[in-house]
PDB file of N, CA and C in Angstrom:
ATOM      1  N   MET A   1       8.358   1.005  -9.571  1.00  0.00           N
ATOM      2  CA  MET A   1       7.778   2.778  -9.495  1.00  0.00           C
ATOM      3  C   MET A   1       6.941   2.773 -10.443  1.00  0.00           C
ATOM      4  N   ALA A   2       6.986   2.736 -11.286  1.00  0.00           N
ATOM      5  CA  ALA A   2       6.035   2.770 -12.742  1.00  0.00           C
ATOM      6  C   ALA A   2       4.352   2.464 -12.522  1.00  0.00           C
ATOM      7  N   ASP A   3       4.652   1.316 -11.757  1.00  0.00           N
ATOM      8  CA  ASP A   3       3.110   0.824 -11.400  1.00  0.00           C
ATOM      9  C   ASP A   3       2.673   1.924 -10.504  1.00  0.00           C
ATOM     10  N   LEU A   4       2.924   2.179  -9.648  1.00  0.00           N
ATOM     11  CA  LEU A   4       2.904   3.150  -8.320  1.00  0.00           C
ATOM     12  C   LEU A   4       2.081   4.619  -9.412  1.00  0.00           C
ATOM     13  N   LEU A   5       3.128   5.204 -10.359  1.00  0.00           N
ATOM     14  CA  LEU A   5       2.548   5.887 -10.998  1.00  0.00           C
ATOM     15  C   LEU A   5       0.870   5.724 -11.764  1.00  0.00           C
ATOM     16  N   MET A   6       1.118   4.659 -12.032  1.00  0.00           N
ATOM     17  CA  MET A   6      -0.140   4.161 -13.248  1.00  0.00           C
ATOM     18  C   MET A   6      -0.981   4.107 -12.298  1.00  0.00           C
ATOM     19  N   LYS A   7      -0.831   3.601 -10.803  1.00  0.00           N
ATOM     20  CA  LYS A   7      -2.350   2.897 -10.062  1.00  0.00           C
ATOM     21  C   LYS A   7      -2.921   4.541  -9.630  1.00  0.00           C
ATOM     22  N   GLY A   8      -2.395   5.881  -9.657  1.00  0.00           N
ATOM     23  CA  GLY A   8      -2.363   7.037  -9.394  1.00  0.00           C
ATOM     24  C   GLY A   8      -1.560   7.469  -8.059  1.00  0.00           C
ATOM     25  N   ALA A   9      -0.177   6.929  -8.169  1.00  0.00           N
ATOM     26  CA  ALA A   9       0.339   7.738  -6.990  1.00  0.00           C
ATOM     27  C   ALA A   9       0.851   8.737  -7.797  1.00  0.00           C
ATOM     28  N   THR A  10       1.629   9.722  -6.341  1.00  0.00           N
ATOM     29  CA  THR A  10       2.171  11.064  -7.402  1.00  0.00           C
ATOM     30  C   THR A  10       3.586  10.904  -6.489  1.00  0.00           C
ATOM     31  N   LEU A  11       4.551  10.977  -8.072  1.00  0.00           N
ATOM     32  CA  LEU A  11       5.996  11.252  -6.839  1.00  0.00           C
ATOM     33  C   LEU A  11       6.514  12.545  -6.050  1.00  0.00           C
ATOM     34  N   THR A  12       6.811  12.612  -5.512  1.00  0.00           N
ATOM     35  CA  THR A  12       6.787  13.872  -4.154  1.00  0.00           C
ATOM     36  C   THR A  12       8.410  14.321  -4.551  1.00  0.00           C
ATOM     37  N   ASP A  13       8.977  15.222  -3.968  1.00  0.00           N
ATOM     38  CA  ASP A  13      10.278  15.691  -3.809  1.00  0.00           C
ATOM     39  C   ASP A  13      10.773  15.135  -2.497  1.00  0.00           C
ATOM     40  N   LEU A  14      10.704  14.640  -1.820  1.00  0.00           N
ATOM     41  CA  LEU A  14      10.841  13.887  -0.427  1.00  0.00           C
ATOM     42  C   LEU A  14      11.658  12.707  -0.932  1.00  0.00           C
ATOM     43  N   SER A  15      12.519  12.113   0.076  1.00  0.00           N
ATOM     44  CA  SER A  15      13.448  10.979   0.107  1.00  0.00           C
ATOM     45  C   SER A  15      12.856  10.270   1.289  1.00  0.00           C
ATOM     46  N   CYS A  16      13.046   8.813   1.126  1.00  0.00           N
ATOM     47  CA  CYS A  16      13.168   7.788   2.174  1.00  0.00           C
ATOM     48  C   CYS A  16      14.186   8.214   2.833  1.00  0.00           C
ATOM     49  N   PRO A  17      13.953   8.374   4.595  1.00  0.00           N
ATOM     50  CA  PRO A  17      15.242   8.661   5.350  1.00  0.00           C
ATOM     51  C   PRO A  17      15.868   7.109   5.430  1.00  0.00           C
ATOM     52  N   ALA A  18      15.582   6.197   5.306  1.00  0.00           N
ATOM     53  CA  ALA A  18      16.205   4.778   6.065  1.00  0.00           C
ATOM     54  C   ALA A  18      16.912   4.635   4.375  1.00  0.00           C
ATOM     55  N   CYS A  19      16.354   5.128   3.136  1.00  0.00           N
ATOM     56  CA  CYS A  19      17.025   4.512   1.950  1.00  0.00           C
ATOM     57  C   CYS A  19      17.221   5.435   1.089  1.00  0.00           C
ATOM     58  N   SER A  20      17.108   6.467   1.077  1.00  0.00           N
ATOM     59  CA  SER A  20      17.084   7.673   0.147  1.00  0.00           C
ATOM     60  C   SER A  20      16.611   7.538  -1.194  1.00  0.00           C
ATOM     61  N   SER A  21      15.631   6.157  -1.414  1.00  0.00           N
ATOM     62  CA  SER A  21      14.842   6.382  -2.754  1.00  0.00           C
ATOM     63  C   SER A  21      13.520   7.795  -2.278  1.00  0.00           C
ATOM     64  N   PRO A  22      13.201   7.747  -3.460  1.00  0.00           N
ATOM     65  CA  PRO A  22      11.957   8.834  -3.720  1.00  0.00           C
ATOM     66  C   PRO A  22      11.141   8.229  -3.120  1.00  0.00           C
ATOM     67  N   LEU A  23       9.943   9.441  -2.478  1.00  0.00           N
ATOM     68  CA  LEU A  23       8.720   9.075  -1.674  1.00  0.00           C
ATOM     69  C   LEU A  23       7.537   9.267  -2.410  1.00  0.00           C
ATOM     70  N   PHE A  24       6.442   8.543  -3.009  1.00  0.00           N
ATOM     71  CA  PHE A  24       5.094   8.834  -3.303  1.00  0.00           C
ATOM     72  C   PHE A  24       4.197   8.771  -2.315  1.00  0.00           C
ATOM     73  N   ARG A  25       3.196   9.584  -2.993  1.00  0.00           N
ATOM     74  CA  ARG A  25       1.554   9.941  -2.198  1.00  0.00           C
ATOM     75  C   ARG A  25       0.986   9.149  -2.726  1.00  0.00           C
ATOM     76  N   LEU A  26       0.877   8.132  -2.139  1.00  0.00           N
ATOM     77  CA  LEU A  26      -0.783   7.587  -2.646  1.00  0.00           C
ATOM     78  C   LEU A  26      -2.059   7.989  -2.578  1.00  0.00           C
ATOM     79  N   GLN A  27      -3.050   7.875  -3.182  1.00  0.00           N
ATOM     80  CA  GLN A  27      -4.351   8.478  -3.075  1.00  0.00           C
ATOM     81  C   GLN A  27      -4.945   8.905  -1.994  1.00  0.00           C
ATOM     82  N   ASP A  28      -4.638   7.863  -1.084  1.00  0.00           N
ATOM     83  CA  ASP A  28      -4.897   8.065   0.439  1.00  0.00           C
ATOM     84  C   ASP A  28      -4.305   9.449   1.317  1.00  0.00           C
ATOM     85  N   GLY A  29      -3.125   9.968   0.455  1.00  0.00           N
ATOM     86  CA  GLY A  29      -2.339  10.968   1.034  1.00  0.00           C
ATOM     87  C   GLY A  29      -0.953  10.362   1.913  1.00  0.00           C
ATOM     88  N   THR A  30      -1.061   9.232   1.977  1.00  0.00           N
ATOM     89  CA  THR A  30       0.172   8.015   2.813  1.00  0.00           C
ATOM     90  C   THR A  30       1.334   8.357   1.848  1.00  0.00           C
ATOM     91  N   LEU A  31       2.367   8.916   2.897  1.00  0.00           N
ATOM     92  CA  LEU A  31       4.074   8.928   2.056  1.00  0.00           C
ATOM     93  C   LEU A  31       4.289   7.603   1.851  1.00  0.00           C
ATOM     94  N   TRP A  32       4.767   6.538   0.435  1.00  0.00           N
ATOM     95  CA  TRP A  32       5.027   5.513   0.682  1.00  0.00           C
ATOM     96  C   TRP A  32       6.437   5.435   0.272  1.00  0.00           C
ATOM     97  N   CYS A  33       7.322   4.785   0.196  1.00  0.00           N
ATOM     98  CA  CYS A  33       8.488   4.551  -0.006  1.00  0.00           C
ATOM     99  C   CYS A  33       8.404   2.684  -0.803  1.00  0.00           C
ATOM    100  N   GLU A  34       8.740   2.960  -2.081  1.00  0.00           N
ATOM    101  CA  GLU A  34       8.265   1.729  -3.208  1.00  0.00           C
ATOM    102  C   GLU A  34       9.565   0.550  -2.827  1.00  0.00           C
ATOM    103  N   SER A  35      10.888   1.260  -2.169  1.00  0.00           N
ATOM    104  CA  SER A  35      11.913   0.176  -2.458  1.00  0.00           C
ATOM    105  C   SER A  35      12.116  -0.176  -1.004  1.00  0.00           C
ATOM    106  N   ASP A  36      11.589   0.097  -0.148  1.00  0.00           N
ATOM    107  CA  ASP A  36      11.652  -0.559   1.600  1.00  0.00           C
ATOM    108  C   ASP A  36       9.813  -1.021   1.690  1.00  0.00           C
ATOM    109  N   GLU A  37       8.994  -0.689   0.690  1.00  0.00           N
ATOM    110  CA  GLU A  37       7.401  -0.954   0.437  1.00  0.00           C
ATOM    111  C   GLU A  37       6.919  -0.758   2.226  1.00  0.00           C
ATOM    112  N   LYS A  38       6.853   0.457   2.304  1.00  0.00           N
ATOM    113  CA  LYS A  38       6.565   0.554   4.077  1.00  0.00           C
ATOM    114  C   LYS A  38       6.128   1.866   3.802  1.00  0.00           C
ATOM    115  N   LYS A  39       4.870   2.147   4.276  1.00  0.00           N
ATOM    116  CA  LYS A  39       4.625   3.656   4.861  1.00  0.00           C
ATOM    117  C   LYS A  39       5.669   4.623   5.746  1.00  0.00           C
ATOM    118  N   VAL A  40       6.004   5.944   5.136  1.00  0.00           N
ATOM    119  CA  VAL A  40       6.582   6.664   5.729  1.00  0.00           C
ATOM    120  C   VAL A  40       6.109   7.697   6.622  1.00  0.00           C
ATOM    121  N   VAL A  41       6.685   7.846   7.972  1.00  0.00           N
ATOM    122  CA  VAL A  41       6.169   9.363   8.528  1.00  0.00           C
ATOM    123  C   VAL A  41       7.168  10.339   8.782  1.00  0.00           C
ATOM    124  N   ILE A  42       6.722  11.575   7.891  1.00  0.00           N
ATOM    125  CA  ILE A  42       7.904  12.653   8.395  1.00  0.00           C
ATOM    126  C   ILE A  42       7.047  13.574   9.109  1.00  0.00           C
ATOM    127  N   VAL A  43       8.524  13.979  10.196  1.00  0.00           N
ATOM    128  CA  VAL A  43       8.346  14.237  11.448  1.00  0.00           C
ATOM    129  C   VAL A  43       9.030  15.944  11.340  1.00  0.00           C
ATOM    130  N   LYS A  44       9.046  17.077  11.337  1.00  0.00           N
ATOM    131  CA  LYS A  44       9.774  18.343  11.098  1.00  0.00           C
ATOM    132  C   LYS A  44      10.622  18.208  12.440  1.00  0.00           C
ATOM    133  N   GLU A  45      11.524  19.022  12.030  1.00  0.00           N
ATOM    134  CA  GLU A  45      13.093  18.899  13.096  1.00  0.00           C
ATOM    135  C   GLU A  45      12.375  19.894  14.232  1.00  0.00           C
ATOM    136  N   GLY A  46      12.108  19.624  15.193  1.00  0.00           N
ATOM    137  CA  GLY A  46      11.993  20.256  16.770  1.00  0.00           C
ATOM    138  C   GLY A  46      10.228  19.782  16.976  1.00  0.00           C
ATOM    139  N   GLU A  47       9.964  19.112  16.180  1.00  0.00           N
ATOM    140  CA  GLU A  47       8.059  18.342  16.191  1.00  0.00           C
ATOM    141  C   GLU A  47       8.394  17.273  17.191  1.00  0.00           C
ATOM    142  N   LYS A  48       7.535  16.993  17.823  1.00  0.00           N
ATOM    143  CA  LYS A  48       7.470  15.803  18.713  1.00  0.00           C
ATOM    144  C   LYS A  48       6.456  14.828  17.680  1.00  0.00           C
ATOM    145  N   LEU A  49       7.055  13.489  18.344  1.00  0.00           N
ATOM    146  CA  LEU A  49       6.589  12.374  17.520  1.00  0.00           C
ATOM    147  C   LEU A  49       5.139  11.635  18.322  1.00  0.00           C
ATOM    148  N   THR A  50       4.080  12.132  18.345  1.00  0.00           N
ATOM    149  CA  THR A  50       2.836  11.728  19.055  1.00  0.00           C
ATOM    150  C   THR A  50       2.780   9.773  18.729  1.00  0.00           C
ATOM    151  N   GLU A  51       2.048   9.459  19.435  1.00  0.00           N
ATOM    152  CA  GLU A  51       1.933   7.741  19.511  1.00  0.00           C
ATOM    153  C   GLU A  51       0.819   8.040  18.354  1.00  0.00           C
ATOM    154  N   SER A  52      -0.010   8.639  18.174  1.00  0.00           N
ATOM    155  CA  SER A  52      -1.226   8.514  16.799  1.00  0.00           C
ATOM    156  C   SER A  52      -0.359   8.733  15.600  1.00  0.00           C
ATOM    157  N   SER A  53       0.560   9.582  15.747  1.00  0.00           N
ATOM    158  CA  SER A  53       1.444   9.639  14.052  1.00  0.00           C
ATOM    159  C   SER A  53       2.275   8.652  14.130  1.00  0.00           C
ATOM    160  N   SER A  54       3.206   8.130  15.165  1.00  0.00           N
ATOM    161  CA  SER A  54       4.376   7.482  15.219  1.00  0.00           C
ATOM    162  C   SER A  54       4.363   6.167  14.051  1.00  0.00           C
ATOM    163  N   ALA A  55       3.235   5.490  14.058  1.00  0.00           N
ATOM    164  CA  ALA A  55       2.775   4.396  13.071  1.00  0.00           C
ATOM    165  C   ALA A  55       1.294   3.874  13.302  1.00  0.00           C
ATOM    166  N   ALA A  56       1.540   3.699  12.087  1.00  0.00           N
ATOM    167  CA  ALA A  56      -0.552   3.406  11.661  1.00  0.00           C
ATOM    168  C   ALA A  56      -0.413   2.068  12.416  1.00  0.00           C
ATOM    169  N   PRO A  57      -1.697   1.733  13.112  1.00  0.00           N
ATOM    170  CA  PRO A  57      -2.212   0.920  13.987  1.00  0.00           C
ATOM    171  C   PRO A  57      -1.962  -0.462  13.063  1.00  0.00           C
ATOM    172  N   THR A  58      -1.842  -2.011  13.857  1.00  0.00           N
ATOM    173  CA  THR A  58      -1.757  -2.939  12.510  1.00  0.00           C
ATOM    174  C   THR A  58      -2.284  -3.248  11.736  1.00  0.00           C
ATOM    175  N   TYR A  59      -4.008  -2.927  12.344  1.00  0.00           N
ATOM    176  CA  TYR A  59      -4.936  -3.013  10.902  1.00  0.00           C
ATOM    177  C   TYR A  59      -4.950  -2.142   9.343  1.00  0.00           C
ATOM    178  N   ASP A  60      -4.409  -1.045  10.230  1.00  0.00           N
ATOM    179  CA  ASP A  60      -4.034  -0.166   9.058  1.00  0.00           C
ATOM    180  C   ASP A  60      -2.927  -0.155   7.878  1.00  0.00           C
ATOM    181  N   LYS A  61      -1.829  -0.542   8.576  1.00  0.00           N
ATOM    182  CA  LYS A  61      -0.741  -1.448   8.146  1.00  0.00           C
ATOM    183  C   LYS A  61      -1.030  -2.486   7.006  1.00  0.00           C
ATOM    184  N   LEU A  62      -1.619  -3.351   7.988  1.00  0.00           N
ATOM    185  CA  LEU A  62      -2.029  -4.541   7.193  1.00  0.00           C
ATOM    186  C   LEU A  62      -3.074  -4.244   5.865  1.00  0.00           C
ATOM    187  N   GLU A  63      -4.187  -3.188   6.214  1.00  0.00           N
ATOM    188  CA  GLU A  63      -4.747  -2.993   5.212  1.00  0.00           C
ATOM    189  C   GLU A  63      -4.222  -2.116   3.767  1.00  0.00           C
ATOM    190  N   ILE A  64      -3.217  -1.760   4.140  1.00  0.00           N
ATOM    191  CA  ILE A  64      -2.656  -1.101   3.266  1.00  0.00           C
ATOM    192  C   ILE A  64      -1.437  -1.995   2.174  1.00  0.00           C
ATOM    193  N   THR A  65      -1.264  -3.008   2.981  1.00  0.00           N
ATOM    194  CA  THR A  65      -0.592  -4.178   2.286  1.00  0.00           C
ATOM    195  C   THR A  65      -1.435  -5.093   1.406  1.00  0.00           C
ATOM    196  N   LEU A  66      -2.345  -5.564   1.997  1.00  0.00           N
ATOM    197  CA  LEU A  66      -3.358  -5.750   1.001  1.00  0.00           C
ATOM    198  C   LEU A  66      -3.911  -4.980  -0.203  1.00  0.00           C
ATOM    199  N   LEU A  67      -3.809  -3.739   0.172  1.00  0.00           N
ATOM    200  CA  LEU A  67      -4.337  -2.940  -1.039  1.00  0.00           C
ATOM    201  C   LEU A  67      -3.468  -2.884  -2.340  1.00  0.00           C
ATOM    202  N   ALA A  68      -2.382  -2.755  -1.796  1.00  0.00           N
ATOM    203  CA  ALA A  68      -1.148  -3.128  -2.910  1.00  0.00           C
ATOM    204  C   ALA A  68      -1.071  -4.001  -3.178  1.00  0.00           C
ATOM    205  N   LYS A  69      -1.354  -5.155  -2.889  1.00  0.00           N
ATOM    206  CA  LYS A  69      -1.527  -6.701  -3.535  1.00  0.00           C
ATOM    207  C   LYS A  69      -2.645  -6.942  -4.283  1.00  0.00           C
ATOM    208  N   VAL A  70      -3.453  -6.331  -3.633  1.00  0.00           N
ATOM    209  CA  VAL A  70      -4.855  -6.019  -5.000  1.00  0.00           C
ATOM    210  C   VAL A  70      -4.618  -5.559  -6.033  1.00  0.00           C
ATOM    211  N   GLN A  71      -3.745  -4.605  -6.079  1.00  0.00           N
ATOM    212  CA  GLN A  71      -3.341  -3.935  -7.048  1.00  0.00           C
ATOM    213  C   GLN A  71      -2.305  -4.518  -7.885  1.00  0.00           C
ATOM    214  N   ASP A  72      -1.121  -5.364  -7.601  1.00  0.00           N
ATOM    215  CA  ASP A  72      -0.617  -6.341  -8.250  1.00  0.00           C
ATOM    216  C   ASP A  72      -1.178  -7.477  -8.551  1.00  0.00           C
ATOM    217  N   ILE A  73      -2.332  -7.638  -8.098  1.00  0.00           N
ATOM    218  CA  ILE A  73      -2.892  -9.018  -8.707  1.00  0.00           C
ATOM    219  C   ILE A  73      -4.057  -8.189  -9.901  1.00  0.00           C
ATOM    220  N   GLN A  74      -4.283  -6.935  -9.736  1.00  0.00           N
ATOM    221  CA  GLN A  74      -4.867  -6.318 -11.081  1.00  0.00           C
ATOM    222  C   GLN A  74      -4.437  -6.175 -12.000  1.00  0.00           C
ATOM    223  N   CYS A  75      -3.017  -5.759 -11.917  1.00  0.00           N
ATOM    224  CA  CYS A  75      -1.811  -5.889 -13.221  1.00  0.00           C
ATOM    225  C   CYS A  75      -1.890  -7.096 -13.801  1.00  0.00           C
ATOM    226  N   LYS A  76      -1.928  -8.209 -12.874  1.00  0.00           N
ATOM    227  CA  LYS A  76      -1.481  -9.172 -13.461  1.00  0.00           C
ATOM    228  C   LYS A  76      -3.073 -10.127 -14.131  1.00  0.00           C
ATOM    229  N   ILE A  77      -4.072  -9.618 -13.962  1.00  0.00           N
ATOM    230  CA  ILE A  77      -4.845 -10.322 -14.603  1.00  0.00           C
ATOM    231  C   ILE A  77      -4.885  -9.580 -15.715  1.00  0.00           C
ATOM    232  N   GLU A  78      -5.071  -7.832 -15.413  1.00  0.00           N
ATOM    233  CA  GLU A  78      -4.901  -7.939 -17.311  1.00  0.00           C
ATOM    234  C   GLU A  78      -4.084  -7.956 -18.457  1.00  0.00           C
ATOM    235  N   LYS A  79      -3.055  -8.455 -17.295  1.00  0.00           N
ATOM    236  CA  LYS A  79      -1.792  -8.887 -18.620  1.00  0.00           C
ATOM    237  C   LYS A  79      -1.871 -10.174 -18.886  1.00  0.00           C
ATOM    238  N   THR A  80      -2.653 -11.173 -18.119  1.00  0.00           N
ATOM    239  CA  THR A  80      -2.909 -13.064 -18.530  1.00  0.00           C
ATOM    240  C   THR A  80      -3.704 -13.063 -19.555  1.00  0.00           C
ATOM    241  N   GLU A  81      -3.313 -14.460 -20.430  1.00  0.00           N
ATOM    242  CA  GLU A  81      -4.085 -15.085 -21.257  1.00  0.00           C
ATOM    243  C   GLU A  81      -4.439 -16.149 -20.847  1.00  0.00           C
ATOM    244  N   SER A  82      -4.122 -16.586 -20.049  1.00  0.00           N
ATOM    245  CA  SER A  82      -3.885 -17.921 -19.381  1.00  0.00           C
ATOM    246  C   SER A  82      -5.228 -18.119 -18.279  1.00  0.00           C
ATOM    247  N   ILE A  83      -6.071 -19.375 -18.976  1.00  0.00           N
ATOM    248  CA  ILE A  83      -7.325 -19.094 -18.152  1.00  0.00           C
ATOM    249  C   ILE A  83      -6.699 -19.658 -16.781  1.00  0.00           C
ATOM    250  N   ASP A  84      -5.730 -20.560 -16.590  1.00  0.00           N
ATOM    251  CA  ASP A  84      -5.167 -20.997 -15.555  1.00  0.00           C
ATOM    252  C   ASP A  84      -5.092 -20.463 -14.357  1.00  0.00           C
ATOM    253  N   GLU A  85      -3.789 -19.422 -15.322  1.00  0.00           N
ATOM    254  CA  GLU A  85      -3.718 -18.358 -14.591  1.00  0.00           C
ATOM    255  C   GLU A  85      -4.632 -17.392 -13.924  1.00  0.00           C
ATOM    256  N   LEU A  86      -5.621 -17.129 -14.631  1.00  0.00           N
ATOM    257  CA  LEU A  86      -6.762 -16.097 -14.329  1.00  0.00           C
ATOM    258  C   LEU A  86      -7.440 -16.809 -13.040  1.00  0.00           C
ATOM    259  N   GLN A  87      -7.824 -18.091 -13.223  1.00  0.00           N
ATOM    260  CA  GLN A  87      -8.630 -18.588 -12.000  1.00  0.00           C
ATOM    261  C   GLN A  87      -7.839 -18.580 -10.698  1.00  0.00           C
ATOM    262  N   LYS A  88      -6.246 -18.630 -10.782  1.00  0.00           N
ATOM    263  CA  LYS A  88      -5.098 -18.354  -9.529  1.00  0.00           C
ATOM    264  C   LYS A  88      -5.444 -17.398  -9.360  1.00  0.00           C
ATOM    265  N   LEU A  89      -5.258 -15.998 -10.121  1.00  0.00           N
ATOM    266  CA  LEU A  89      -5.482 -15.101  -9.416  1.00  0.00           C
ATOM    267  C   LEU A  89      -6.546 -14.446  -9.209  1.00  0.00           C
ATOM    268  N   THR A  90      -7.660 -14.698  -9.449  1.00  0.00           N
ATOM    269  CA  THR A  90      -9.032 -14.633  -9.277  1.00  0.00           C
ATOM    270  C   THR A  90      -9.513 -14.888  -7.509  1.00  0.00           C
ATOM    271  N   GLY A  91      -8.777 -15.780  -7.658  1.00  0.00           N
ATOM    272  CA  GLY A  91      -9.397 -16.983  -6.170  1.00  0.00           C
ATOM    273  C   GLY A  91      -8.412 -16.231  -5.027  1.00  0.00           C
ATOM    274  N   ALA A  92      -6.782 -15.968  -5.374  1.00  0.00           N
ATOM    275  CA  ALA A  92      -6.164 -15.041  -4.749  1.00  0.00           C
ATOM    276  C   ALA A  92      -6.756 -13.606  -4.032  1.00  0.00           C
ATOM    277  N   LEU A  93      -7.193 -12.920  -5.354  1.00  0.00           N
ATOM    278  CA  LEU A  93      -7.650 -11.743  -4.914  1.00  0.00           C
ATOM    279  C   LEU A  93      -8.932 -11.658  -4.352  1.00  0.00           C
ATOM    280  N   LEU A  94     -10.149 -12.671  -4.478  1.00  0.00           N
ATOM    281  CA  LEU A  94     -10.955 -12.932  -3.600  1.00  0.00           C
ATOM    282  C   LEU A  94     -10.772 -13.188  -1.939  1.00  0.00           C
ATOM    283  N   GLU A  95      -9.456 -13.908  -1.808  1.00  0.00           N
ATOM    284  CA  GLU A  95      -9.190 -14.074  -0.639  1.00  0.00           C
ATOM    285  C   GLU A  95      -9.013 -12.344   0.339  1.00  0.00           C
ATOM    286  N   LEU A  96      -8.392 -11.997  -0.932  1.00  0.00           N
ATOM    287  CA  LEU A  96      -7.516 -10.818  -0.163  1.00  0.00           C
ATOM    288  C   LEU A  96      -8.516  -9.797  -0.020  1.00  0.00           C
ATOM    289  N   LEU A  97      -9.651  -9.239  -0.730  1.00  0.00           N
ATOM    290  CA  LEU A  97     -10.856  -9.133  -0.690  1.00  0.00           C
ATOM    291  C   LEU A  97     -11.717  -9.343   0.708  1.00  0.00           C
ATOM    292  N   ASN A  98     -11.456 -10.735   0.732  1.00  0.00           N
ATOM    293  CA  ASN A  98     -12.285 -11.254   1.989  1.00  0.00           C
ATOM    294  C   ASN A  98     -11.487 -10.369   3.426  1.00  0.00           C
ATOM    295  N   SER A  99     -10.125 -10.413   3.091  1.00  0.00           N
ATOM    296  CA  SER A  99      -9.184 -10.190   4.193  1.00  0.00           C
ATOM    297  C   SER A  99      -9.254  -8.789   4.630  1.00  0.00           C
ATOM    298  N   LEU A 100      -9.635  -8.297   3.377  1.00  0.00           N
ATOM    299  CA  LEU A 100      -9.702  -6.709   3.388  1.00  0.00           C
ATOM    300  C   LEU A 100     -11.565  -6.072   4.035  1.00  0.00           C
ATOM    301  N   ASP A 101     -11.888  -6.810   3.673  1.00  0.00           N
ATOM    302  CA  ASP A 101     -13.626  -6.737   4.562  1.00  0.00           C
ATOM    303  C   ASP A 101     -13.423  -7.105   6.094  1.00  0.00           C
ATOM    304  N   ARG A 102     -12.969  -8.050   6.202  1.00  0.00           N
ATOM    305  CA  ARG A 102     -12.689  -8.414   7.576  1.00  0.00           C
ATOM    306  C   ARG A 102     -11.986  -7.472   8.570  1.00  0.00           C
ATOM    307  N   ILE A 103     -10.779  -6.586   8.072  1.00  0.00           N
ATOM    308  CA  ILE A 103     -10.203  -6.028   8.796  1.00  0.00           C
ATOM    309  C   ILE A 103     -11.189  -4.859   8.785  1.00  0.00           C
ATOM    310  N   LYS A 104     -11.823  -4.232   7.921  1.00  0.00           N
ATOM    311  CA  LYS A 104     -13.023  -3.273   8.241  1.00  0.00           C
ATOM    312  C   LYS A 104     -13.669  -3.136   9.166  1.00  0.00           C
ATOM    313  N   LYS A 105     -14.447  -4.499   8.955  1.00  0.00           N
ATOM    314  CA  LYS A 105     -15.278  -4.524  10.253  1.00  0.00           C
ATOM    315  C   LYS A 105     -14.882  -4.827  11.501  1.00  0.00           C
ATOM    316  N   MET A 106     -13.385  -5.196  11.269  1.00  0.00           N
ATOM    317  CA  MET A 106     -13.000  -5.130  13.038  1.00  0.00           C
ATOM    318  C   MET A 106     -12.086  -3.572  13.648  1.00  0.00           C
ATOM    319  N   LYS A 107     -11.846  -2.906  12.220  1.00  0.00           N
ATOM    320  CA  LYS A 107     -11.751  -1.409  12.480  1.00  0.00           C
ATOM    321  C   LYS A 107     -12.964  -0.460  13.293  1.00  0.00           C
ATOM    322  N   LYS A 108     -14.208  -1.343  12.711  1.00  0.00           N
ATOM    323  CA  LYS A 108     -15.284  -0.549  13.056  1.00  0.00           C
ATOM    324  C   LYS A 108     -15.699  -0.944  14.946  1.00  0.00           C
ATOM    325  N   ALA A 109     -15.243  -2.160  15.071  1.00  0.00           N
ATOM    326  CA  ALA A 109     -16.327  -2.963  16.266  1.00  0.00           C
ATOM    327  C   ALA A 109     -14.955  -2.024  17.149  1.00  0.00           C
TER     328      ALA A 109
END
């Protein structure tokens, strides 16, 4: 949870409906449950859940997951002092960034 705060997320007064953990608001406005590692959509009582708000499309979910992994790798890169580990991490980071680029292109198509 501390990592989310360090990455710019904001702790909200809301809790996850599935596990009751505190929810965070990511920089893009998404509500996030760190315990479940899932996006959370809050629906007010009496409000109907529309198709567009029920769940992010597959590409959006994948993009969120990959961005979280990029942030994880960034933290590991900052902490590592091993050249071998740095090479592994930068290789993984490059793959993630390539995947994110592909997803963005697919979303535009």
